[in-house]
């Protein structure tokens, strides 16, 4: 590919890098955006963080949870469209799907409403939550399948989604 006259080479710069840099840390697990607020689950401290994406400082703020809750090995996070950015689901590998709410949708503070348990073997991780239509599903990944000879993968033929709509709505008192 030939460089066009007058065009600069594109430069990629980091938007945020936690300090100190340590490859032994687990760091941020997921990201969700509501307006100009970026939310992320920090696995080092088990906290929910927020960033103002318009700010040049890019300094995270801890979102206080009431009652307090500490995430354990969290994965994807998801703001449910059906609740207009006021309900955040956090996939915690072992426990299940944690339900948080910010009634204002500003995510300066949030309520920890509870966790929908995965109720599956320990070799299965809750890795995400997703809304499909009006239903809410827990996405799980089973580990430990026997390796198929000649491959590097297991013998997985199905990836199950569990409908957790009713459990989430009970937490939300709907």
N, C-alpha and C. Protein backbone atom coordinates (compact mmCIF):
# COMPACT_ATOMS: atom_id res chain seq x y z
N UNK A 1 0.85 -1.17 0.00
CA UNK A 1 0.00 0.00 0.00
C UNK A 1 0.89 1.23 0.00
N UNK A 2 0.61 2.13 -0.87
CA UNK A 2 1.42 3.33 -1.01
C UNK A 2 0.82 4.46 -0.21
N UNK A 3 1.65 5.20 0.49
CA UNK A 3 1.21 6.33 1.29
C UNK A 3 0.75 7.45 0.37
N UNK A 4 -0.43 8.01 0.65
CA UNK A 4 -0.93 9.11 -0.16
C UNK A 4 -0.22 10.39 0.22
N UNK A 5 0.01 11.21 -0.78
CA UNK A 5 0.71 12.48 -0.58
C UNK A 5 -0.08 13.36 0.39
N UNK A 6 0.62 13.90 1.37
CA UNK A 6 0.00 14.80 2.33
C UNK A 6 -0.68 14.09 3.50
N UNK A 7 -0.77 12.78 3.48
CA UNK A 7 -1.42 12.02 4.56
C UNK A 7 -0.36 11.55 5.55
N UNK A 8 -0.64 11.70 6.83
CA UNK A 8 0.26 11.22 7.86
C UNK A 8 -0.04 9.76 8.16
N UNK A 9 0.98 9.05 8.60
CA UNK A 9 0.75 7.68 9.05
C UNK A 9 -0.14 7.73 10.29
N UNK A 10 -1.14 6.84 10.36
CA UNK A 10 -2.01 6.85 11.54
C UNK A 10 -1.22 6.44 12.78
N UNK A 11 -1.56 7.06 13.89
CA UNK A 11 -0.89 6.76 15.14
C UNK A 11 -1.94 6.32 16.15
N UNK A 12 -1.71 5.20 16.77
CA UNK A 12 -2.60 4.68 17.78
C UNK A 12 -2.01 5.01 19.14
N UNK A 13 -2.85 5.59 20.00
CA UNK A 13 -2.40 5.89 21.35
C UNK A 13 -3.37 5.26 22.33
N UNK A 14 -2.85 4.88 23.47
CA UNK A 14 -3.68 4.27 24.51
C UNK A 14 -4.64 5.31 25.07
N UNK A 15 -5.88 4.90 25.28
CA UNK A 15 -6.87 5.80 25.88
C UNK A 15 -6.72 5.79 27.39
N UNK A 16 -6.47 4.61 27.97
CA UNK A 16 -6.26 4.47 29.41
C UNK A 16 -5.38 3.27 29.67
N UNK A 17 -4.40 3.42 30.52
CA UNK A 17 -3.54 2.32 30.96
C UNK A 17 -3.44 2.42 32.48
N UNK A 18 -3.87 1.36 33.17
CA UNK A 18 -3.80 1.39 34.63
C UNK A 18 -2.33 1.36 35.06
N UNK A 19 -2.07 2.00 36.18
CA UNK A 19 -0.71 2.09 36.70
C UNK A 19 -0.65 1.46 38.07
N UNK A 20 0.40 0.84 38.46
CA UNK A 20 1.56 0.54 37.64
C UNK A 20 1.24 -0.61 36.68
N UNK A 21 1.94 -0.66 35.57
CA UNK A 21 1.75 -1.74 34.61
C UNK A 21 2.35 -3.01 35.19
N UNK A 22 1.53 -4.04 35.29
CA UNK A 22 1.95 -5.30 35.90
C UNK A 22 1.23 -6.42 35.17
N UNK A 23 1.94 -7.24 34.47
CA UNK A 23 1.33 -8.31 33.68
C UNK A 23 0.77 -9.43 34.56
N UNK A 24 1.00 -9.39 35.86
CA UNK A 24 0.44 -10.39 36.76
C UNK A 24 -0.93 -9.97 37.29
N UNK A 25 -1.40 -8.79 36.94
CA UNK A 25 -2.70 -8.30 37.39
C UNK A 25 -3.77 -8.71 36.39
N UNK A 26 -5.00 -8.85 36.87
CA UNK A 26 -6.09 -9.24 35.99
C UNK A 26 -6.74 -8.05 35.30
N UNK A 27 -6.79 -6.91 35.92
CA UNK A 27 -7.26 -5.68 35.28
C UNK A 27 -8.74 -5.61 35.00
N UNK A 28 -9.07 -4.78 34.00
CA UNK A 28 -10.46 -4.52 33.65
C UNK A 28 -11.04 -5.71 32.90
N UNK A 29 -12.28 -6.05 33.21
CA UNK A 29 -12.91 -7.23 32.62
C UNK A 29 -13.80 -6.94 31.44
N UNK A 30 -14.56 -5.88 31.47
CA UNK A 30 -15.51 -5.57 30.40
C UNK A 30 -15.74 -4.08 30.31
N UNK A 31 -16.55 -3.68 29.35
CA UNK A 31 -16.86 -2.27 29.16
C UNK A 31 -18.29 -2.11 28.70
N UNK A 32 -18.95 -1.07 29.22
CA UNK A 32 -20.31 -0.72 28.81
C UNK A 32 -20.39 0.80 28.78
N UNK A 33 -21.16 1.33 27.85
CA UNK A 33 -21.23 2.79 27.68
C UNK A 33 -22.66 3.26 27.83
N UNK A 34 -22.84 4.32 28.64
CA UNK A 34 -24.12 4.99 28.78
C UNK A 34 -23.86 6.48 28.64
N UNK A 35 -24.34 7.04 27.52
CA UNK A 35 -24.08 8.44 27.20
C UNK A 35 -22.56 8.63 27.11
N UNK A 36 -21.96 9.53 27.89
CA UNK A 36 -20.51 9.75 27.84
C UNK A 36 -19.79 9.04 28.98
N UNK A 37 -20.49 8.17 29.68
CA UNK A 37 -19.89 7.43 30.79
C UNK A 37 -19.53 6.03 30.33
N UNK A 38 -18.25 5.66 30.56
CA UNK A 38 -17.76 4.31 30.29
C UNK A 38 -17.67 3.59 31.63
N UNK A 39 -18.31 2.43 31.73
CA UNK A 39 -18.27 1.62 32.94
C UNK A 39 -17.38 0.41 32.69
N UNK A 40 -16.63 0.01 33.71
CA UNK A 40 -15.80 -1.18 33.59
C UNK A 40 -15.68 -1.86 34.95
N UNK A 41 -15.59 -3.17 34.91
CA UNK A 41 -15.41 -3.96 36.13
C UNK A 41 -13.93 -4.24 36.33
N UNK A 42 -13.41 -3.77 37.44
CA UNK A 42 -12.00 -3.88 37.77
C UNK A 42 -11.78 -5.15 38.59
N UNK A 43 -11.13 -6.13 37.98
CA UNK A 43 -10.90 -7.40 38.67
C UNK A 43 -9.80 -7.33 39.72
N UNK A 44 -8.96 -6.32 39.67
CA UNK A 44 -7.92 -6.21 40.70
C UNK A 44 -8.51 -5.85 42.05
N UNK A 45 -9.49 -4.95 42.04
CA UNK A 45 -10.09 -4.54 43.30
C UNK A 45 -11.52 -5.03 43.47
N UNK A 46 -12.06 -5.71 42.44
CA UNK A 46 -13.43 -6.18 42.51
C UNK A 46 -14.45 -5.06 42.53
N UNK A 47 -14.11 -3.94 41.86
CA UNK A 47 -14.94 -2.74 41.91
C UNK A 47 -15.52 -2.41 40.55
N UNK A 48 -16.55 -1.57 40.56
CA UNK A 48 -17.09 -0.99 39.34
C UNK A 48 -16.47 0.39 39.19
N UNK A 49 -15.91 0.65 38.01
CA UNK A 49 -15.28 1.95 37.74
C UNK A 49 -16.06 2.69 36.67
N UNK A 50 -15.96 4.02 36.69
CA UNK A 50 -16.55 4.83 35.63
C UNK A 50 -15.51 5.81 35.12
N UNK A 51 -15.62 6.11 33.85
CA UNK A 51 -14.75 7.09 33.18
C UNK A 51 -15.64 8.09 32.46
N UNK A 52 -15.28 9.37 32.50
CA UNK A 52 -15.94 10.38 31.68
C UNK A 52 -15.18 10.41 30.36
N UNK A 53 -15.81 9.95 29.29
CA UNK A 53 -15.12 9.84 28.01
C UNK A 53 -14.83 11.19 27.37
N UNK A 54 -15.41 12.28 27.89
CA UNK A 54 -15.10 13.62 27.37
C UNK A 54 -13.89 14.23 28.06
N UNK A 55 -13.50 13.68 29.19
CA UNK A 55 -12.40 14.23 29.97
C UNK A 55 -11.06 13.85 29.35
N UNK A 56 -10.13 14.78 29.36
CA UNK A 56 -8.79 14.48 28.86
C UNK A 56 -7.97 13.72 29.91
N UNK A 57 -8.40 13.73 31.18
CA UNK A 57 -7.65 13.07 32.25
C UNK A 57 -7.82 11.56 32.24
N UNK A 58 -8.98 11.07 31.85
CA UNK A 58 -9.24 9.63 31.77
C UNK A 58 -8.91 8.91 33.07
N UNK A 59 -9.31 9.50 34.15
CA UNK A 59 -9.08 8.93 35.47
C UNK A 59 -10.34 8.21 35.93
N UNK A 60 -10.21 6.95 36.31
CA UNK A 60 -11.41 6.23 36.74
C UNK A 60 -11.88 6.68 38.11
N UNK A 61 -13.20 6.61 38.30
CA UNK A 61 -13.80 6.85 39.61
C UNK A 61 -14.48 5.56 40.03
N UNK A 62 -14.36 5.23 41.29
CA UNK A 62 -15.04 4.05 41.82
C UNK A 62 -16.52 4.39 41.97
N UNK A 63 -17.37 3.51 41.48
CA UNK A 63 -18.81 3.66 41.66
C UNK A 63 -19.18 2.91 42.93
N UNK A 64 -19.56 3.63 44.00
CA UNK A 64 -19.90 2.95 45.25
C UNK A 64 -21.17 2.10 45.07
N UNK A 65 -21.13 0.88 45.60
CA UNK A 65 -22.26 -0.03 45.54
C UNK A 65 -22.89 -0.15 46.92
N UNK A 66 -24.22 -0.10 46.97
CA UNK A 66 -24.95 -0.26 48.23
C UNK A 66 -25.95 -1.39 48.06
N UNK A 67 -25.89 -2.44 48.90
CA UNK A 67 -24.79 -2.71 49.81
C UNK A 67 -23.52 -3.03 49.04
N UNK A 68 -22.42 -3.02 49.75
CA UNK A 68 -21.12 -3.27 49.12
C UNK A 68 -21.09 -4.67 48.48
N UNK A 69 -20.43 -4.77 47.35
CA UNK A 69 -20.23 -6.06 46.68
C UNK A 69 -18.86 -6.02 46.00
N UNK A 70 -18.11 -7.10 46.11
CA UNK A 70 -16.80 -7.22 45.47
C UNK A 70 -16.90 -8.28 44.39
N UNK A 71 -16.55 -7.93 43.15
CA UNK A 71 -16.60 -8.88 42.05
C UNK A 71 -15.50 -9.93 42.21
N UNK A 72 -15.81 -11.15 41.77
CA UNK A 72 -14.81 -12.21 41.77
C UNK A 72 -14.66 -12.72 40.34
N UNK A 73 -13.51 -12.53 39.77
CA UNK A 73 -13.21 -13.00 38.41
C UNK A 73 -14.36 -12.70 37.45
N UNK A 74 -14.59 -11.41 37.24
CA UNK A 74 -15.70 -11.01 36.38
C UNK A 74 -15.25 -10.94 34.92
N UNK A 75 -16.23 -11.11 34.05
CA UNK A 75 -16.01 -11.10 32.60
C UNK A 75 -16.77 -9.92 32.01
N UNK A 76 -17.60 -10.21 31.02
CA UNK A 76 -18.34 -9.17 30.31
C UNK A 76 -19.35 -8.47 31.21
N UNK A 77 -19.60 -7.19 30.91
CA UNK A 77 -20.67 -6.45 31.56
C UNK A 77 -21.61 -5.95 30.47
N UNK A 78 -22.86 -5.69 30.84
CA UNK A 78 -23.87 -5.39 29.83
C UNK A 78 -24.94 -4.48 30.41
N UNK A 79 -25.16 -3.34 29.76
CA UNK A 79 -26.27 -2.46 30.11
C UNK A 79 -27.48 -2.92 29.30
N UNK A 80 -28.53 -3.32 30.00
CA UNK A 80 -29.71 -3.85 29.32
C UNK A 80 -30.48 -2.74 28.60
N UNK A 81 -30.67 -2.85 27.28
CA UNK A 81 -31.43 -1.84 26.54
C UNK A 81 -32.85 -1.65 27.07
N UNK A 82 -33.49 -2.73 27.54
CA UNK A 82 -34.89 -2.63 27.97
C UNK A 82 -35.05 -1.76 29.21
N UNK A 83 -33.97 -1.46 29.93
CA UNK A 83 -34.04 -0.61 31.11
C UNK A 83 -33.33 0.73 30.90
N UNK A 84 -33.06 1.06 29.66
CA UNK A 84 -32.55 2.39 29.27
C UNK A 84 -31.30 2.82 30.04
N UNK A 85 -30.35 1.89 30.20
CA UNK A 85 -29.07 2.23 30.82
C UNK A 85 -29.08 2.30 32.33
N UNK A 86 -30.15 1.82 32.98
CA UNK A 86 -30.21 1.87 34.45
C UNK A 86 -29.88 0.54 35.11
N UNK A 87 -29.80 -0.55 34.33
CA UNK A 87 -29.50 -1.87 34.90
C UNK A 87 -28.27 -2.43 34.19
N UNK A 88 -27.28 -2.80 35.00
CA UNK A 88 -26.02 -3.35 34.50
C UNK A 88 -25.89 -4.78 35.01
N UNK A 89 -25.57 -5.70 34.09
CA UNK A 89 -25.33 -7.08 34.47
C UNK A 89 -23.83 -7.36 34.36
N UNK A 90 -23.28 -7.98 35.39
CA UNK A 90 -21.86 -8.32 35.43
C UNK A 90 -21.74 -9.83 35.51
N UNK A 91 -21.07 -10.43 34.53
CA UNK A 91 -20.85 -11.88 34.55
C UNK A 91 -19.67 -12.18 35.46
N UNK A 92 -19.95 -12.93 36.52
CA UNK A 92 -18.89 -13.38 37.43
C UNK A 92 -18.73 -14.87 37.19
N UNK A 93 -17.54 -15.27 36.74
CA UNK A 93 -17.31 -16.63 36.26
C UNK A 93 -17.95 -17.70 37.13
N UNK A 94 -17.66 -17.70 38.42
CA UNK A 94 -18.16 -18.75 39.30
C UNK A 94 -19.57 -18.51 39.81
N UNK A 95 -19.85 -17.35 40.41
CA UNK A 95 -21.17 -17.14 41.02
C UNK A 95 -22.34 -17.07 40.05
N UNK A 96 -22.21 -16.31 38.97
CA UNK A 96 -23.32 -16.13 38.04
C UNK A 96 -23.38 -14.71 37.51
N UNK A 97 -24.59 -14.16 37.38
CA UNK A 97 -24.79 -12.82 36.82
C UNK A 97 -25.23 -11.87 37.93
N UNK A 98 -24.39 -10.87 38.20
CA UNK A 98 -24.67 -9.88 39.22
C UNK A 98 -25.50 -8.75 38.62
N UNK A 99 -26.52 -8.32 39.37
CA UNK A 99 -27.45 -7.30 38.91
C UNK A 99 -27.21 -6.01 39.70
N UNK A 100 -26.88 -4.94 38.97
CA UNK A 100 -26.67 -3.62 39.57
C UNK A 100 -27.66 -2.64 38.96
N UNK A 101 -28.05 -1.63 39.75
CA UNK A 101 -28.97 -0.62 39.23
C UNK A 101 -28.55 0.77 39.65
N UNK A 102 -28.64 1.70 38.70
CA UNK A 102 -28.49 3.13 38.97
C UNK A 102 -29.79 3.76 38.51
N UNK A 103 -30.66 4.09 39.45
CA UNK A 103 -31.99 4.57 39.08
C UNK A 103 -31.92 5.81 38.19
N UNK A 104 -30.92 6.65 38.38
CA UNK A 104 -30.77 7.85 37.55
C UNK A 104 -30.14 7.53 36.20
N UNK A 105 -29.44 6.39 36.11
CA UNK A 105 -28.72 6.06 34.89
C UNK A 105 -27.40 6.81 34.75
N UNK A 106 -27.03 7.58 35.78
CA UNK A 106 -25.78 8.35 35.72
C UNK A 106 -24.59 7.55 36.24
N UNK A 107 -24.83 6.50 36.98
CA UNK A 107 -23.81 5.59 37.49
C UNK A 107 -22.75 6.28 38.35
N UNK A 108 -23.20 7.29 39.14
CA UNK A 108 -22.31 7.87 40.15
C UNK A 108 -22.31 6.99 41.39
N UNK A 109 -23.44 6.35 41.64
CA UNK A 109 -23.61 5.33 42.68
C UNK A 109 -24.50 4.25 42.08
N UNK A 110 -24.52 3.09 42.71
CA UNK A 110 -25.37 2.01 42.21
C UNK A 110 -25.79 1.10 43.36
N UNK A 111 -26.89 0.39 43.13
CA UNK A 111 -27.38 -0.60 44.07
C UNK A 111 -26.94 -1.98 43.61
N UNK A 112 -26.43 -2.77 44.54
CA UNK A 112 -26.20 -4.18 44.28
C UNK A 112 -27.49 -4.89 44.66
N UNK A 113 -28.19 -5.46 43.67
CA UNK A 113 -29.48 -6.08 43.92
C UNK A 113 -29.38 -7.57 44.21
N UNK A 114 -28.30 -8.20 43.75
CA UNK A 114 -28.12 -9.62 43.99
C UNK A 114 -27.45 -10.29 42.80
N UNK A 115 -27.28 -11.58 42.89
CA UNK A 115 -26.63 -12.36 41.84
C UNK A 115 -27.53 -13.53 41.46
N UNK A 116 -27.77 -13.65 40.14
CA UNK A 116 -28.49 -14.81 39.62
C UNK A 116 -27.48 -15.95 39.60
N UNK A 117 -27.66 -16.98 40.43
CA UNK A 117 -26.65 -18.05 40.49
C UNK A 117 -26.64 -18.89 39.22
N UNK A 118 -25.45 -19.35 38.85
CA UNK A 118 -25.36 -20.18 37.64
C UNK A 118 -25.84 -21.59 37.88
N UNK A 119 -25.79 -22.08 39.11
CA UNK A 119 -26.29 -23.42 39.45
C UNK A 119 -25.87 -24.48 38.45
N UNK A 120 -24.61 -24.45 38.09
CA UNK A 120 -24.03 -25.40 37.14
C UNK A 120 -22.71 -25.90 37.71
N UNK A 121 -22.12 -26.94 37.13
CA UNK A 121 -20.85 -27.45 37.65
C UNK A 121 -19.76 -26.37 37.68
N UNK A 122 -18.80 -26.55 38.58
CA UNK A 122 -17.70 -25.59 38.72
C UNK A 122 -16.89 -25.45 37.44
N UNK A 123 -16.93 -26.45 36.56
CA UNK A 123 -16.17 -26.37 35.30
C UNK A 123 -16.88 -25.51 34.26
N UNK A 124 -18.02 -24.91 34.62
CA UNK A 124 -18.78 -24.04 33.73
C UNK A 124 -18.70 -22.62 34.25
N UNK A 125 -18.34 -21.66 33.38
CA UNK A 125 -18.23 -20.26 33.78
C UNK A 125 -19.34 -19.43 33.16
N UNK A 126 -19.89 -18.50 33.96
CA UNK A 126 -20.82 -17.50 33.43
C UNK A 126 -19.95 -16.40 32.83
N UNK A 127 -19.98 -16.25 31.51
CA UNK A 127 -19.06 -15.32 30.85
C UNK A 127 -19.73 -14.06 30.32
N UNK A 128 -21.06 -14.05 30.21
CA UNK A 128 -21.74 -12.85 29.69
C UNK A 128 -23.23 -12.96 29.95
N UNK A 129 -23.90 -11.83 29.82
CA UNK A 129 -25.36 -11.77 29.81
C UNK A 129 -25.75 -10.99 28.57
N UNK A 130 -26.92 -11.30 28.02
CA UNK A 130 -27.36 -10.64 26.81
C UNK A 130 -28.88 -10.55 26.80
N UNK A 131 -29.39 -9.49 26.20
CA UNK A 131 -30.82 -9.35 26.00
C UNK A 131 -31.14 -9.71 24.56
N UNK A 132 -32.12 -10.59 24.38
CA UNK A 132 -32.61 -10.96 23.05
C UNK A 132 -34.11 -10.74 23.08
N UNK A 133 -34.60 -9.77 22.31
CA UNK A 133 -36.01 -9.39 22.43
C UNK A 133 -36.21 -8.81 23.82
N UNK A 134 -37.20 -9.31 24.54
CA UNK A 134 -37.42 -8.88 25.92
C UNK A 134 -36.82 -9.84 26.94
N UNK A 135 -36.20 -10.92 26.47
CA UNK A 135 -35.64 -11.92 27.37
C UNK A 135 -34.18 -11.62 27.67
N UNK A 136 -33.74 -12.08 28.85
CA UNK A 136 -32.36 -11.90 29.30
C UNK A 136 -31.75 -13.29 29.48
N UNK A 137 -30.56 -13.49 28.94
CA UNK A 137 -29.92 -14.79 28.98
C UNK A 137 -28.55 -14.72 29.64
N UNK A 138 -28.20 -15.81 30.34
CA UNK A 138 -26.86 -16.01 30.87
C UNK A 138 -26.11 -16.88 29.85
N UNK A 139 -24.95 -16.41 29.44
CA UNK A 139 -24.11 -17.17 28.52
C UNK A 139 -23.07 -17.90 29.35
N UNK A 140 -22.98 -19.20 29.18
CA UNK A 140 -22.03 -19.99 29.95
C UNK A 140 -21.08 -20.72 29.01
N UNK A 141 -19.87 -20.92 29.49
CA UNK A 141 -18.87 -21.67 28.73
C UNK A 141 -18.43 -22.84 29.59
N UNK A 142 -18.69 -24.06 29.12
CA UNK A 142 -18.21 -25.23 29.85
C UNK A 142 -16.75 -25.51 29.49
N UNK A 143 -15.96 -25.79 30.50
CA UNK A 143 -14.56 -26.15 30.28
C UNK A 143 -14.39 -27.61 30.68
N UNK A 144 -13.37 -28.24 30.15
CA UNK A 144 -13.09 -29.60 30.54
C UNK A 144 -13.56 -30.65 29.58
N UNK A 145 -14.04 -30.26 28.39
CA UNK A 145 -14.42 -31.26 27.39
C UNK A 145 -13.19 -32.05 26.99
N UNK A 146 -13.36 -33.34 26.72
CA UNK A 146 -12.22 -34.12 26.22
C UNK A 146 -11.74 -33.55 24.88
N UNK A 147 -10.42 -33.48 24.70
CA UNK A 147 -9.84 -32.98 23.46
C UNK A 147 -10.10 -33.97 22.33
N UNK A 148 -10.54 -33.44 21.20
CA UNK A 148 -10.75 -34.27 20.02
C UNK A 148 -9.39 -34.56 19.40
N UNK A 149 -9.11 -35.83 19.16
CA UNK A 149 -7.81 -36.24 18.62
C UNK A 149 -7.48 -35.47 17.34
N UNK A 150 -6.25 -34.98 17.28
CA UNK A 150 -5.80 -34.23 16.10
C UNK A 150 -6.16 -32.76 16.12
N UNK A 151 -6.81 -32.29 17.22
CA UNK A 151 -7.18 -30.87 17.33
C UNK A 151 -6.69 -30.32 18.66
N UNK A 152 -6.90 -29.06 18.85
CA UNK A 152 -6.59 -28.43 20.14
C UNK A 152 -7.88 -28.09 20.90
N UNK A 153 -9.03 -28.55 20.38
CA UNK A 153 -10.29 -28.16 20.98
C UNK A 153 -11.03 -29.36 21.55
N UNK A 154 -12.02 -29.04 22.38
CA UNK A 154 -12.85 -30.07 22.98
C UNK A 154 -13.99 -30.47 22.06
N UNK A 155 -14.80 -31.38 22.58
CA UNK A 155 -15.89 -31.95 21.81
C UNK A 155 -17.20 -31.20 22.08
N UNK A 156 -17.16 -29.89 22.10
CA UNK A 156 -18.35 -29.11 22.41
C UNK A 156 -19.22 -28.97 21.16
N UNK A 157 -20.47 -29.37 21.26
CA UNK A 157 -21.40 -29.25 20.13
C UNK A 157 -22.52 -28.27 20.43
N UNK A 158 -22.68 -27.86 21.69
CA UNK A 158 -23.73 -26.93 22.05
C UNK A 158 -23.22 -25.95 23.09
N UNK A 159 -23.61 -24.71 22.93
CA UNK A 159 -23.30 -23.68 23.90
C UNK A 159 -24.64 -23.16 24.41
N UNK A 160 -24.94 -23.48 25.64
CA UNK A 160 -26.27 -23.24 26.18
C UNK A 160 -26.42 -21.81 26.71
N UNK A 161 -27.57 -21.22 26.43
CA UNK A 161 -27.97 -19.94 26.99
C UNK A 161 -29.11 -20.23 27.96
N UNK A 162 -29.04 -19.68 29.16
CA UNK A 162 -30.08 -19.90 30.16
C UNK A 162 -30.91 -18.63 30.32
N UNK A 163 -32.23 -18.76 30.22
CA UNK A 163 -33.13 -17.62 30.36
C UNK A 163 -33.18 -17.23 31.84
N UNK A 164 -32.73 -16.02 32.15
CA UNK A 164 -32.71 -15.55 33.53
C UNK A 164 -33.61 -14.32 33.71
N UNK A 165 -34.52 -14.10 32.75
CA UNK A 165 -35.39 -12.92 32.79
C UNK A 165 -36.13 -12.83 34.11
N UNK A 166 -36.78 -13.91 34.51
CA UNK A 166 -37.59 -13.89 35.72
C UNK A 166 -36.76 -13.56 36.95
N UNK A 167 -35.57 -14.16 37.06
CA UNK A 167 -34.71 -13.91 38.23
C UNK A 167 -34.27 -12.45 38.28
N UNK A 168 -33.89 -11.88 37.12
CA UNK A 168 -33.47 -10.47 37.09
C UNK A 168 -34.63 -9.58 37.48
N UNK A 169 -35.82 -9.85 36.94
CA UNK A 169 -36.98 -9.01 37.23
C UNK A 169 -37.43 -9.11 38.69
N UNK A 170 -37.20 -10.26 39.32
CA UNK A 170 -37.47 -10.36 40.75
C UNK A 170 -36.58 -9.39 41.53
N UNK A 171 -35.28 -9.33 41.17
CA UNK A 171 -34.38 -8.38 41.81
C UNK A 171 -34.85 -6.94 41.58
N UNK A 172 -35.40 -6.67 40.40
CA UNK A 172 -35.84 -5.32 40.06
C UNK A 172 -37.24 -5.03 40.58
N UNK A 173 -37.88 -6.05 41.18
CA UNK A 173 -39.26 -5.95 41.72
C UNK A 173 -40.25 -5.52 40.64
N UNK A 174 -40.16 -6.20 39.48
CA UNK A 174 -41.09 -5.89 38.37
C UNK A 174 -42.19 -6.92 38.37
